[in-house]
Protein backbone atom coordinates (compact mmCIF):
# COMPACT_ATOMS: atom_id res chain seq x y z
CA MET A 1 -48.15 -15.45 -93.46
CA LEU A 2 -49.07 -11.81 -94.10
CA ASN A 3 -48.94 -10.40 -97.60
CA GLN A 4 -47.75 -6.88 -98.48
CA LYS A 5 -51.25 -5.34 -98.38
CA GLN A 6 -51.87 -6.67 -94.88
CA LEU A 7 -48.47 -5.44 -93.66
CA LEU A 8 -49.12 -2.03 -95.20
CA SER A 9 -52.55 -1.89 -93.54
CA ILE A 10 -51.07 -2.81 -90.15
CA PHE A 11 -48.32 -0.20 -90.58
CA ILE A 12 -50.84 2.52 -91.54
CA LEU A 13 -53.07 1.64 -88.58
CA PHE A 14 -50.02 1.78 -86.29
CA LEU A 15 -49.07 5.24 -87.63
CA LEU A 16 -52.64 6.50 -87.25
CA GLY A 17 -52.69 5.23 -83.67
CA MET A 18 -49.43 7.04 -82.92
CA LEU A 19 -50.75 10.21 -84.55
CA GLY A 20 -53.92 10.00 -82.45
CA SER A 21 -51.83 9.56 -79.28
CA ILE A 22 -49.80 12.66 -80.14
CA PHE A 23 -52.97 14.72 -80.68
CA ILE A 24 -54.41 13.54 -77.36
CA PHE A 25 -51.14 14.36 -75.55
CA LEU A 26 -50.98 17.84 -77.11
CA PHE A 27 -54.63 18.54 -76.29
CA ILE A 28 -54.18 17.52 -72.67
CA SER A 29 -50.96 19.53 -72.27
CA ILE A 30 -52.62 22.65 -73.73
CA VAL A 31 -55.89 22.37 -71.81
CA GLU A 32 -54.47 21.22 -68.49
CA GLU A 33 -53.90 24.09 -66.07
CA LYS A 34 -50.38 24.39 -64.76
CA PRO A 35 -49.99 24.08 -60.98
CA LYS A 36 -49.66 27.33 -59.07
CA THR A 37 -46.76 28.15 -56.80
CA ILE A 38 -46.96 30.17 -53.61
CA ALA A 39 -44.84 33.33 -53.63
CA THR A 40 -44.60 36.37 -51.38
CA VAL A 41 -44.75 40.11 -51.76
CA ASN A 42 -43.92 42.65 -49.06
CA ILE A 43 -46.94 44.94 -49.45
CA THR A 44 -45.98 46.91 -46.34
CA GLN A 45 -42.60 47.77 -47.82
CA LEU A 46 -44.13 48.81 -51.15
CA VAL A 47 -46.62 51.12 -49.46
CA ASP A 48 -44.00 52.50 -47.04
CA ASP A 49 -41.61 53.24 -49.91
CA PHE A 50 -44.40 55.04 -51.80
CA ILE A 51 -45.28 57.14 -48.72
CA LYS A 52 -41.62 58.04 -48.05
CA GLU A 53 -41.15 59.12 -51.65
CA LYS A 54 -44.23 61.39 -51.53
CA ARG A 55 -43.20 62.95 -48.21
CA GLN A 56 -39.79 63.86 -49.59
CA LYS A 57 -41.30 65.63 -52.60
CA LYS A 58 -43.51 67.92 -50.48
CA ILE A 59 -46.42 68.10 -52.90
CA SER A 60 -49.99 69.24 -52.35
CA SER A 61 -52.59 66.96 -50.79
CA GLU A 62 -54.67 66.95 -53.99
CA ILE A 63 -51.75 65.63 -56.01
CA ILE A 64 -51.02 63.09 -53.28
CA LYS A 65 -54.63 61.83 -53.50
CA ILE A 66 -54.37 61.43 -57.27
CA GLU A 67 -50.99 59.71 -57.12
CA THR A 68 -52.14 57.46 -54.27
CA LYS A 69 -55.10 56.31 -56.34
CA GLN A 70 -52.81 55.69 -59.32
CA PHE A 71 -50.39 53.76 -57.10
CA GLY A 72 -53.20 51.59 -55.73
CA GLU A 73 -54.47 50.79 -59.22
CA ALA A 74 -50.95 50.05 -60.48
CA LEU A 75 -50.29 47.82 -57.47
CA ASP A 76 -53.52 45.87 -58.00
CA GLU A 77 -52.97 45.44 -61.74
CA THR A 78 -49.34 44.45 -61.25
CA LEU A 79 -50.15 41.86 -58.58
CA HIS A 80 -52.77 40.27 -60.80
CA SER A 81 -50.62 40.26 -63.93
CA ILE A 82 -47.54 38.83 -62.15
CA ALA A 83 -49.67 36.13 -60.52
CA GLU A 84 -51.31 35.19 -63.81
CA GLU A 85 -48.17 35.28 -65.95
CA ASN A 86 -46.14 33.18 -63.51
CA HIS A 87 -48.92 30.88 -62.25
CA LEU A 88 -48.53 32.17 -58.69
CA ILE A 89 -50.58 32.56 -55.58
CA LEU A 90 -49.23 35.76 -54.02
CA LEU A 91 -49.37 36.09 -50.25
CA PRO A 92 -48.12 38.84 -47.94
CA LYS A 93 -44.52 38.18 -46.92
CA GLU A 94 -45.56 38.37 -43.27
CA ALA A 95 -47.84 35.34 -43.76
CA ILE A 96 -45.03 33.02 -44.87
CA ILE A 97 -42.26 31.96 -42.53
CA ALA A 98 -39.85 30.52 -45.10
CA GLY A 99 -39.50 28.71 -48.38
CA ALA A 100 -41.41 30.88 -50.86
CA PRO A 101 -39.83 33.11 -53.51
CA ASP A 102 -40.19 36.84 -52.93
CA TYR A 103 -41.50 38.94 -55.84
CA THR A 104 -41.39 42.33 -54.08
CA SER A 105 -38.58 43.83 -56.16
CA ILE A 106 -40.10 42.60 -59.44
CA ILE A 107 -43.48 44.07 -58.50
CA LYS A 108 -41.90 47.35 -57.37
CA ASN A 109 -40.10 47.72 -60.72
CA LYS A 110 -43.27 47.01 -62.70
CA ILE A 111 -45.27 49.51 -60.63
CA GLN A 112 -42.63 52.20 -61.23
CA LYS A 113 -42.78 51.51 -64.99
CA ARG A 114 -46.59 51.79 -64.97
CA LEU A 115 -46.49 55.09 -63.10
CA THR A 116 -43.92 56.74 -65.38
C-alpha cells in the first residue's frame, strides 16, 4: 500500500509530466510553419485598370513614369504582404482553372490605399 508521501510524489510527477507535455505542444505549435494555400490574383486586370485610369486623366509622360514606378512598387509590396499575412502562394488567375480563392479585389484596395 502507498503512503501519503508516495501518493503526493506520484501526483506531483504526474502534474510535471502534464506541464512538460503542454510546453512541448505550445513550442511545436509556435515553431511549426502553417501550410500555405494557393490563391489567385488577376495581374492583367490590375495593370489594365491602372493604365485606363492614367489615360483618362491625360497627364504628362513624366508624371506617368513616376506613378507607374510607384504602382509597380505598391503592387510588389502588396503581393508580398498579402501572401505572408495569409500564408498564401499567389499565382496569376490565368494559371488556375478553378478552385482557388481570388484576392484581386483585396490587392487592388490595398494598392489604392498605398498610393493615396
